Amino acid sequence: NMVRNGRSLSEAFEMSGAIPPALMS
């Protein structure tokens, strides 16, 4: 939903906590 509303993929993953921080970079 965040990506749909204009967030970047990395931002959306980081804000939602969907994936571990180690993969965010």
mmCIF file of all heavy atoms, coordinates in Angstrom:
data_MODEL
# 
_entry.id   MODEL 
# 
loop_
_atom_site.group_PDB 
_atom_site.id 
_atom_site.type_symbol 
_atom_site.label_atom_id 
_atom_site.label_alt_id 
_atom_site.label_comp_id 
_atom_site.label_asym_id 
_atom_site.label_entity_id 
_atom_site.label_seq_id 
_atom_site.pdbx_PDB_ins_code 
_atom_site.Cartn_x 
_atom_site.Cartn_y 
_atom_site.Cartn_z 
_atom_site.occupancy 
_atom_site.B_iso_or_equiv 
_atom_site.pdbx_formal_charge 
_atom_site.auth_seq_id 
_atom_site.auth_comp_id 
_atom_site.auth_asym_id 
_atom_site.auth_atom_id 
_atom_site.pdbx_PDB_model_num 
ATOM 1   N N   . ASN A 1 1  ? 0.821  -1.213  0.000  1.00 0.00 ? 1  ASN A N   1 
ATOM 2   C CA  . ASN A 1 1  ? 0.000  0.000   0.000  1.00 0.00 ? 1  ASN A CA  1 
ATOM 3   C C   . ASN A 1 1  ? 0.856  1.264   0.000  1.00 0.00 ? 1  ASN A C   1 
ATOM 4   O O   . ASN A 1 1  ? 0.507  2.269   -0.630 1.00 0.00 ? 1  ASN A O   1 
ATOM 5   C CB  . ASN A 1 1  ? -0.933 0.001   1.211  1.00 0.00 ? 1  ASN A CB  1 
ATOM 6   C CG  . ASN A 1 1  ? -2.111 -0.932  1.036  1.00 0.00 ? 1  ASN A CG  1 
ATOM 7   O OD1 . ASN A 1 1  ? -2.499 -1.236  -0.096 1.00 0.00 ? 1  ASN A OD1 1 
ATOM 8   N ND2 . ASN A 1 1  ? -2.677 -1.405  2.135  1.00 0.00 ? 1  ASN A ND2 1 
ATOM 9   N N   . MET A 1 2  ? 1.973  1.225   0.720  1.00 0.00 ? 2  MET A N   1 
ATOM 10  C CA  . MET A 1 2  ? 2.874  2.388   0.736  1.00 0.00 ? 2  MET A CA  1 
ATOM 11  C C   . MET A 1 2  ? 3.466  2.648   -0.645 1.00 0.00 ? 2  MET A C   1 
ATOM 12  O O   . MET A 1 2  ? 3.574  3.800   -1.078 1.00 0.00 ? 2  MET A O   1 
ATOM 13  C CB  . MET A 1 2  ? 3.990  2.159   1.764  1.00 0.00 ? 2  MET A CB  1 
ATOM 14  C CG  . MET A 1 2  ? 3.533  2.193   3.205  1.00 0.00 ? 2  MET A CG  1 
ATOM 15  S SD  . MET A 1 2  ? 4.918  1.872   4.340  1.00 0.00 ? 2  MET A SD  1 
ATOM 16  C CE  . MET A 1 2  ? 4.037  1.623   5.885  1.00 0.00 ? 2  MET A CE  1 
ATOM 17  N N   . VAL A 1 3  ? 3.873  1.582   -1.335 1.00 0.00 ? 3  VAL A N   1 
ATOM 18  C CA  . VAL A 1 3  ? 4.404  1.731   -2.696 1.00 0.00 ? 3  VAL A CA  1 
ATOM 19  C C   . VAL A 1 3  ? 3.321  2.270   -3.618 1.00 0.00 ? 3  VAL A C   1 
ATOM 20  O O   . VAL A 1 3  ? 3.572  3.149   -4.462 1.00 0.00 ? 3  VAL A O   1 
ATOM 21  C CB  . VAL A 1 3  ? 4.943  0.388   -3.223 1.00 0.00 ? 3  VAL A CB  1 
ATOM 22  C CG1 . VAL A 1 3  ? 5.367  0.510   -4.685 1.00 0.00 ? 3  VAL A CG1 1 
ATOM 23  C CG2 . VAL A 1 3  ? 6.124  -0.080  -2.390 1.00 0.00 ? 3  VAL A CG2 1 
ATOM 24  N N   . ARG A 1 4  ? 2.108  1.772   -3.456 1.00 0.00 ? 4  ARG A N   1 
ATOM 25  C CA  . ARG A 1 4  ? 0.990  2.246   -4.272 1.00 0.00 ? 4  ARG A CA  1 
ATOM 26  C C   . ARG A 1 4  ? 0.725  3.732   -4.049 1.00 0.00 ? 4  ARG A C   1 
ATOM 27  O O   . ARG A 1 4  ? 0.292  4.445   -4.962 1.00 0.00 ? 4  ARG A O   1 
ATOM 28  C CB  . ARG A 1 4  ? -0.263 1.424   -3.943 1.00 0.00 ? 4  ARG A CB  1 
ATOM 29  C CG  . ARG A 1 4  ? -1.451 1.738   -4.835 1.00 0.00 ? 4  ARG A CG  1 
ATOM 30  C CD  . ARG A 1 4  ? -2.664 0.904   -4.491 1.00 0.00 ? 4  ARG A CD  1 
ATOM 31  N NE  . ARG A 1 4  ? -2.482 -0.481  -4.902 1.00 0.00 ? 4  ARG A NE  1 
ATOM 32  C CZ  . ARG A 1 4  ? -2.402 -1.500  -4.062 1.00 0.00 ? 4  ARG A CZ  1 
ATOM 33  N NH1 . ARG A 1 4  ? -2.433 -1.289  -2.758 1.00 0.00 ? 4  ARG A NH1 1 
ATOM 34  N NH2 . ARG A 1 4  ? -2.251 -2.726  -4.513 1.00 0.00 ? 4  ARG A NH2 1 
ATOM 35  N N   . ASN A 1 5  ? 0.993  4.190   -2.834 1.00 0.00 ? 5  ASN A N   1 
ATOM 36  C CA  . ASN A 1 5  ? 0.754  5.600   -2.499 1.00 0.00 ? 5  ASN A CA  1 
ATOM 37  C C   . ASN A 1 5  ? 1.966  6.495   -2.737 1.00 0.00 ? 5  ASN A C   1 
ATOM 38  O O   . ASN A 1 5  ? 1.973  7.659   -2.327 1.00 0.00 ? 5  ASN A O   1 
ATOM 39  C CB  . ASN A 1 5  ? 0.318  5.714   -1.034 1.00 0.00 ? 5  ASN A CB  1 
ATOM 40  C CG  . ASN A 1 5  ? -1.062 5.120   -0.799 1.00 0.00 ? 5  ASN A CG  1 
ATOM 41  O OD1 . ASN A 1 5  ? -1.920 5.168   -1.676 1.00 0.00 ? 5  ASN A OD1 1 
ATOM 42  N ND2 . ASN A 1 5  ? -1.271 4.539   0.377  1.00 0.00 ? 5  ASN A ND2 1 
ATOM 43  N N   . GLY A 1 6  ? 3.003  5.948   -3.393 1.00 0.00 ? 6  GLY A N   1 
ATOM 44  C CA  . GLY A 1 6  ? 4.105  6.796   -3.809 1.00 0.00 ? 6  GLY A CA  1 
ATOM 45  C C   . GLY A 1 6  ? 5.422  6.590   -3.106 1.00 0.00 ? 6  GLY A C   1 
ATOM 46  O O   . GLY A 1 6  ? 6.420  7.222   -3.475 1.00 0.00 ? 6  GLY A O   1 
ATOM 47  N N   . ARG A 1 7  ? 5.481  5.730   -2.096 1.00 0.00 ? 7  ARG A N   1 
ATOM 48  C CA  . ARG A 1 7  ? 6.749  5.474   -1.410 1.00 0.00 ? 7  ARG A CA  1 
ATOM 49  C C   . ARG A 1 7  ? 7.650  4.603   -2.280 1.00 0.00 ? 7  ARG A C   1 
ATOM 50  O O   . ARG A 1 7  ? 7.181  3.821   -3.102 1.00 0.00 ? 7  ARG A O   1 
ATOM 51  C CB  . ARG A 1 7  ? 6.503  4.757   -0.080 1.00 0.00 ? 7  ARG A CB  1 
ATOM 52  C CG  . ARG A 1 7  ? 5.751  5.576   0.946  1.00 0.00 ? 7  ARG A CG  1 
ATOM 53  C CD  . ARG A 1 7  ? 6.659  6.562   1.630  1.00 0.00 ? 7  ARG A CD  1 
ATOM 54  N NE  . ARG A 1 7  ? 5.971  7.280   2.699  1.00 0.00 ? 7  ARG A NE  1 
ATOM 55  C CZ  . ARG A 1 7  ? 6.541  8.214   3.441  1.00 0.00 ? 7  ARG A CZ  1 
ATOM 56  N NH1 . ARG A 1 7  ? 7.804  8.540   3.240  1.00 0.00 ? 7  ARG A NH1 1 
ATOM 57  N NH2 . ARG A 1 7  ? 5.856  8.841   4.381  1.00 0.00 ? 7  ARG A NH2 1 
ATOM 58  N N   . SER A 1 8  ? 8.953  4.755   -2.090 1.00 0.00 ? 8  SER A N   1 
ATOM 59  C CA  . SER A 1 8  ? 9.879  3.847   -2.764 1.00 0.00 ? 8  SER A CA  1 
ATOM 60  C C   . SER A 1 8  ? 9.790  2.478   -2.103 1.00 0.00 ? 8  SER A C   1 
ATOM 61  O O   . SER A 1 8  ? 9.319  2.346   -0.970 1.00 0.00 ? 8  SER A O   1 
ATOM 62  C CB  . SER A 1 8  ? 11.304 4.376   -2.692 1.00 0.00 ? 8  SER A CB  1 
ATOM 63  O OG  . SER A 1 8  ? 11.792 4.308   -1.362 1.00 0.00 ? 8  SER A OG  1 
ATOM 64  N N   . LEU A 1 9  ? 10.270 1.466   -2.815 1.00 0.00 ? 9  LEU A N   1 
ATOM 65  C CA  . LEU A 1 9  ? 10.184 0.098   -2.297 1.00 0.00 ? 9  LEU A CA  1 
ATOM 66  C C   . LEU A 1 9  ? 10.985 -0.055  -1.007 1.00 0.00 ? 9  LEU A C   1 
ATOM 67  O O   . LEU A 1 9  ? 10.515 -0.666  -0.040 1.00 0.00 ? 9  LEU A O   1 
ATOM 68  C CB  . LEU A 1 9  ? 10.693 -0.877  -3.356 1.00 0.00 ? 9  LEU A CB  1 
ATOM 69  C CG  . LEU A 1 9  ? 10.487 -2.361  -3.074 1.00 0.00 ? 9  LEU A CG  1 
ATOM 70  C CD1 . LEU A 1 9  ? 9.014  -2.685  -2.924 1.00 0.00 ? 9  LEU A CD1 1 
ATOM 71  C CD2 . LEU A 1 9  ? 11.094 -3.201  -4.198 1.00 0.00 ? 9  LEU A CD2 1 
ATOM 72  N N   . SER A 1 10 ? 12.187 0.504   -0.979 1.00 0.00 ? 10 SER A N   1 
ATOM 73  C CA  . SER A 1 10 ? 13.026 0.388   0.220  1.00 0.00 ? 10 SER A CA  1 
ATOM 74  C C   . SER A 1 10 ? 12.399 1.122   1.402  1.00 0.00 ? 10 SER A C   1 
ATOM 75  O O   . SER A 1 10 ? 12.442 0.631   2.538  1.00 0.00 ? 10 SER A O   1 
ATOM 76  C CB  . SER A 1 10 ? 14.431 0.933   -0.061 1.00 0.00 ? 10 SER A CB  1 
ATOM 77  O OG  . SER A 1 10 ? 14.376 2.268   -0.517 1.00 0.00 ? 10 SER A OG  1 
ATOM 78  N N   . GLU A 1 11 ? 11.813 2.279   1.148  1.00 0.00 ? 11 GLU A N   1 
ATOM 79  C CA  . GLU A 1 11 ? 11.146 3.024   2.218  1.00 0.00 ? 11 GLU A CA  1 
ATOM 80  C C   . GLU A 1 11 ? 9.964  2.239   2.767  1.00 0.00 ? 11 GLU A C   1 
ATOM 81  O O   . GLU A 1 11 ? 9.750  2.177   3.984  1.00 0.00 ? 11 GLU A O   1 
ATOM 82  C CB  . GLU A 1 11 ? 10.672 4.383   1.702  1.00 0.00 ? 11 GLU A CB  1 
ATOM 83  C CG  . GLU A 1 11 ? 11.765 5.402   1.487  1.00 0.00 ? 11 GLU A CG  1 
ATOM 84  C CD  . GLU A 1 11 ? 11.230 6.708   0.917  1.00 0.00 ? 11 GLU A CD  1 
ATOM 85  O OE1 . GLU A 1 11 ? 10.169 6.683   0.259  1.00 0.00 ? 11 GLU A OE1 1 
ATOM 86  O OE2 . GLU A 1 11 ? 11.867 7.745   1.131  1.00 0.00 ? 11 GLU A OE2 1 
ATOM 87  N N   . ALA A 1 12 ? 9.180  1.656   1.861  1.00 0.00 ? 12 ALA A N   1 
ATOM 88  C CA  . ALA A 1 12 ? 7.999  0.896   2.275  1.00 0.00 ? 12 ALA A CA  1 
ATOM 89  C C   . ALA A 1 12 ? 8.388  -0.312  3.112  1.00 0.00 ? 12 ALA A C   1 
ATOM 90  O O   . ALA A 1 12 ? 7.768  -0.598  4.146  1.00 0.00 ? 12 ALA A O   1 
ATOM 91  C CB  . ALA A 1 12 ? 7.211  0.452   1.043  1.00 0.00 ? 12 ALA A CB  1 
ATOM 92  N N   . PHE A 1 13 ? 9.420  -1.033  2.683  1.00 0.00 ? 13 PHE A N   1 
ATOM 93  C CA  . PHE A 1 13 ? 9.877  -2.196  3.438  1.00 0.00 ? 13 PHE A CA  1 
ATOM 94  C C   . PHE A 1 13 ? 10.397 -1.784  4.822  1.00 0.00 ? 13 PHE A C   1 
ATOM 95  O O   . PHE A 1 13 ? 10.158 -2.460  5.820  1.00 0.00 ? 13 PHE A O   1 
ATOM 96  C CB  . PHE A 1 13 ? 10.966 -2.936  2.670  1.00 0.00 ? 13 PHE A CB  1 
ATOM 97  C CG  . PHE A 1 13 ? 10.447 -3.855  1.605  1.00 0.00 ? 13 PHE A CG  1 
ATOM 98  C CD1 . PHE A 1 13 ? 11.200 -4.121  0.461  1.00 0.00 ? 13 PHE A CD1 1 
ATOM 99  C CD2 . PHE A 1 13 ? 9.213  -4.464  1.727  1.00 0.00 ? 13 PHE A CD2 1 
ATOM 100 C CE1 . PHE A 1 13 ? 10.729 -4.971  -0.521 1.00 0.00 ? 13 PHE A CE1 1 
ATOM 101 C CE2 . PHE A 1 13 ? 8.725  -5.314  0.743  1.00 0.00 ? 13 PHE A CE2 1 
ATOM 102 C CZ  . PHE A 1 13 ? 9.485  -5.562  -0.375 1.00 0.00 ? 13 PHE A CZ  1 
ATOM 103 N N   . GLU A 1 14 ? 11.116 -0.683  4.854  1.00 0.00 ? 14 GLU A N   1 
ATOM 104 C CA  . GLU A 1 14 ? 11.692 -0.228  6.119  1.00 0.00 ? 14 GLU A CA  1 
ATOM 105 C C   . GLU A 1 14 ? 10.610 0.228   7.093  1.00 0.00 ? 14 GLU A C   1 
ATOM 106 O O   . GLU A 1 14 ? 10.630 -0.118  8.275  1.00 0.00 ? 14 GLU A O   1 
ATOM 107 C CB  . GLU A 1 14 ? 12.671 0.911   5.864  1.00 0.00 ? 14 GLU A CB  1 
ATOM 108 C CG  . GLU A 1 14 ? 13.402 1.386   7.115  1.00 0.00 ? 14 GLU A CG  1 
ATOM 109 C CD  . GLU A 1 14 ? 14.433 2.450   6.826  1.00 0.00 ? 14 GLU A CD  1 
ATOM 110 O OE1 . GLU A 1 14 ? 14.479 2.952   5.683  1.00 0.00 ? 14 GLU A OE1 1 
ATOM 111 O OE2 . GLU A 1 14 ? 15.211 2.782   7.746  1.00 0.00 ? 14 GLU A OE2 1 
ATOM 112 N N   . MET A 1 15 ? 9.639  1.000   6.604  1.00 0.00 ? 15 MET A N   1 
ATOM 113 C CA  . MET A 1 15 ? 8.586  1.543   7.469  1.00 0.00 ? 15 MET A CA  1 
ATOM 114 C C   . MET A 1 15 ? 7.630  0.453   7.954  1.00 0.00 ? 15 MET A C   1 
ATOM 115 O O   . MET A 1 15 ? 7.117  0.516   9.074  1.00 0.00 ? 15 MET A O   1 
ATOM 116 C CB  . MET A 1 15 ? 7.813  2.627   6.734  1.00 0.00 ? 15 MET A CB  1 
ATOM 117 C CG  . MET A 1 15 ? 8.639  3.871   6.420  1.00 0.00 ? 15 MET A CG  1 
ATOM 118 S SD  . MET A 1 15 ? 7.743  5.077   5.426  1.00 0.00 ? 15 MET A SD  1 
ATOM 119 C CE  . MET A 1 15 ? 6.465  5.581   6.584  1.00 0.00 ? 15 MET A CE  1 
ATOM 120 N N   . SER A 1 16 ? 7.397  -0.557  7.128  1.00 0.00 ? 16 SER A N   1 
ATOM 121 C CA  . SER A 1 16 ? 6.468  -1.630  7.499  1.00 0.00 ? 16 SER A CA  1 
ATOM 122 C C   . SER A 1 16 ? 7.140  -2.722  8.325  1.00 0.00 ? 16 SER A C   1 
ATOM 123 O O   . SER A 1 16 ? 6.456  -3.496  8.994  1.00 0.00 ? 16 SER A O   1 
ATOM 124 C CB  . SER A 1 16 ? 5.856  -2.257  6.241  1.00 0.00 ? 16 SER A CB  1 
ATOM 125 O OG  . SER A 1 16 ? 6.856  -2.904  5.474  1.00 0.00 ? 16 SER A OG  1 
ATOM 126 N N   . GLY A 1 17 ? 8.471  -2.789  8.263  1.00 0.00 ? 17 GLY A N   1 
ATOM 127 C CA  . GLY A 1 17 ? 9.181  -3.860  8.966  1.00 0.00 ? 17 GLY A CA  1 
ATOM 128 C C   . GLY A 1 17 ? 8.991  -5.204  8.308  1.00 0.00 ? 17 GLY A C   1 
ATOM 129 O O   . GLY A 1 17 ? 9.109  -6.245  8.956  1.00 0.00 ? 17 GLY A O   1 
ATOM 130 N N   . ALA A 1 18 ? 8.699  -5.193  6.994  1.00 0.00 ? 18 ALA A N   1 
ATOM 131 C CA  . ALA A 1 18 ? 8.390  -6.436  6.296  1.00 0.00 ? 18 ALA A CA  1 
ATOM 132 C C   . ALA A 1 18 ? 9.601  -7.338  6.119  1.00 0.00 ? 18 ALA A C   1 
ATOM 133 O O   . ALA A 1 18 ? 9.472  -8.562  6.115  1.00 0.00 ? 18 ALA A O   1 
ATOM 134 C CB  . ALA A 1 18 ? 7.763  -6.128  4.931  1.00 0.00 ? 18 ALA A CB  1 
ATOM 135 N N   . ILE A 1 19 ? 10.783 -6.739  5.952  1.00 0.00 ? 19 ILE A N   1 
ATOM 136 C CA  . ILE A 1 19 ? 11.983 -7.549  5.787  1.00 0.00 ? 19 ILE A CA  1 
ATOM 137 C C   . ILE A 1 19 ? 13.040 -7.090  6.781  1.00 0.00 ? 19 ILE A C   1 
ATOM 138 O O   . ILE A 1 19 ? 13.002 -5.942  7.237  1.00 0.00 ? 19 ILE A O   1 
ATOM 139 C CB  . ILE A 1 19 ? 12.528 -7.480  4.340  1.00 0.00 ? 19 ILE A CB  1 
ATOM 140 C CG1 . ILE A 1 19 ? 13.005 -6.064  4.005  1.00 0.00 ? 19 ILE A CG1 1 
ATOM 141 C CG2 . ILE A 1 19 ? 11.490 -7.945  3.343  1.00 0.00 ? 19 ILE A CG2 1 
ATOM 142 C CD1 . ILE A 1 19 ? 13.661 -5.970  2.649  1.00 0.00 ? 19 ILE A CD1 1 
ATOM 143 N N   . PRO A 1 20 ? 13.986 -7.972  7.132  1.00 0.00 ? 20 PRO A N   1 
ATOM 144 C CA  . PRO A 1 20 ? 15.025 -7.612  8.114  1.00 0.00 ? 20 PRO A CA  1 
ATOM 145 C C   . PRO A 1 20 ? 15.871 -6.437  7.639  1.00 0.00 ? 20 PRO A C   1 
ATOM 146 O O   . PRO A 1 20 ? 16.084 -6.264  6.427  1.00 0.00 ? 20 PRO A O   1 
ATOM 147 C CB  . PRO A 1 20 ? 15.859 -8.892  8.219  1.00 0.00 ? 20 PRO A CB  1 
ATOM 148 C CG  . PRO A 1 20 ? 14.974 -9.987  7.738  1.00 0.00 ? 20 PRO A CG  1 
ATOM 149 C CD  . PRO A 1 20 ? 14.105 -9.373  6.699  1.00 0.00 ? 20 PRO A CD  1 
ATOM 150 N N   . PRO A 1 21 ? 16.376 -5.644  8.564  1.00 0.00 ? 21 PRO A N   1 
ATOM 151 C CA  . PRO A 1 21 ? 17.213 -4.480  8.209  1.00 0.00 ? 21 PRO A CA  1 
ATOM 152 C C   . PRO A 1 21 ? 18.434 -4.858  7.372  1.00 0.00 ? 21 PRO A C   1 
ATOM 153 O O   . PRO A 1 21 ? 18.899 -4.058  6.560  1.00 0.00 ? 21 PRO A O   1 
ATOM 154 C CB  . PRO A 1 21 ? 17.626 -3.921  9.566  1.00 0.00 ? 21 PRO A CB  1 
ATOM 155 C CG  . PRO A 1 21 ? 16.567 -4.379  10.516 1.00 0.00 ? 21 PRO A CG  1 
ATOM 156 C CD  . PRO A 1 21 ? 16.131 -5.718  10.010 1.00 0.00 ? 21 PRO A CD  1 
ATOM 157 N N   . ALA A 1 22 ? 18.952 -6.071  7.577  1.00 0.00 ? 22 ALA A N   1 
ATOM 158 C CA  . ALA A 1 22 ? 20.156 -6.489  6.850  1.00 0.00 ? 22 ALA A CA  1 
ATOM 159 C C   . ALA A 1 22 ? 19.938 -6.503  5.338  1.00 0.00 ? 22 ALA A C   1 
ATOM 160 O O   . ALA A 1 22 ? 20.891 -6.362  4.559  1.00 0.00 ? 22 ALA A O   1 
ATOM 161 C CB  . ALA A 1 22 ? 20.589 -7.876  7.324  1.00 0.00 ? 22 ALA A CB  1 
ATOM 162 N N   . LEU A 1 23 ? 18.692 -6.679  4.908  1.00 0.00 ? 23 LEU A N   1 
ATOM 163 C CA  . LEU A 1 23 ? 18.395 -6.735  3.480  1.00 0.00 ? 23 LEU A CA  1 
ATOM 164 C C   . LEU A 1 23 ? 18.012 -5.379  2.897  1.00 0.00 ? 23 LEU A C   1 
ATOM 165 O O   . LEU A 1 23 ? 17.920 -5.230  1.669  1.00 0.00 ? 23 LEU A O   1 
ATOM 166 C CB  . LEU A 1 23 ? 17.262 -7.735  3.213  1.00 0.00 ? 23 LEU A CB  1 
ATOM 167 C CG  . LEU A 1 23 ? 17.520 -9.183  3.638  1.00 0.00 ? 23 LEU A CG  1 
ATOM 168 C CD1 . LEU A 1 23 ? 16.281 -10.019 3.416  1.00 0.00 ? 23 LEU A CD1 1 
ATOM 169 C CD2 . LEU A 1 23 ? 18.693 -9.761  2.869  1.00 0.00 ? 23 LEU A CD2 1 
ATOM 170 N N   . MET A 1 24 ? 17.762 -4.410  3.766  1.00 0.00 ? 24 MET A N   1 
ATOM 171 C CA  . MET A 1 24 ? 17.304 -3.108  3.311  1.00 0.00 ? 24 MET A CA  1 
ATOM 172 C C   . MET A 1 24 ? 18.334 -2.422  2.413  1.00 0.00 ? 24 MET A C   1 
ATOM 173 O O   . MET A 1 24 ? 17.974 -1.808  1.404  1.00 0.00 ? 24 MET A O   1 
ATOM 174 C CB  . MET A 1 24 ? 16.986 -2.210  4.508  1.00 0.00 ? 24 MET A CB  1 
ATOM 175 C CG  . MET A 1 24 ? 15.749 -2.620  5.285  1.00 0.00 ? 24 MET A CG  1 
ATOM 176 S SD  . MET A 1 24 ? 14.295 -2.801  4.247  1.00 0.00 ? 24 MET A SD  1 
ATOM 177 C CE  . MET A 1 24 ? 14.317 -1.254  3.374  1.00 0.00 ? 24 MET A CE  1 
ATOM 178 N N   . SER A 1 25 ? 19.611 -2.515  2.777  1.00 0.00 ? 25 SER A N   1 
ATOM 179 C CA  . SER A 1 25 ? 20.649 -1.861  1.984  1.00 0.00 ? 25 SER A CA  1 
ATOM 180 C C   . SER A 1 25 ? 20.722 -2.448  0.581  1.00 0.00 ? 25 SER A C   1 
ATOM 181 O O   . SER A 1 25 ? 20.987 -1.725  -0.396 1.00 0.00 ? 25 SER A O   1 
ATOM 182 C CB  . SER A 1 25 ? 22.008 -1.997  2.676  1.00 0.00 ? 25 SER A CB  1 
ATOM 183 O OG  . SER A 1 25 ? 22.335 -3.369  2.872  1.00 0.00 ? 25 SER A OG  1 
# 
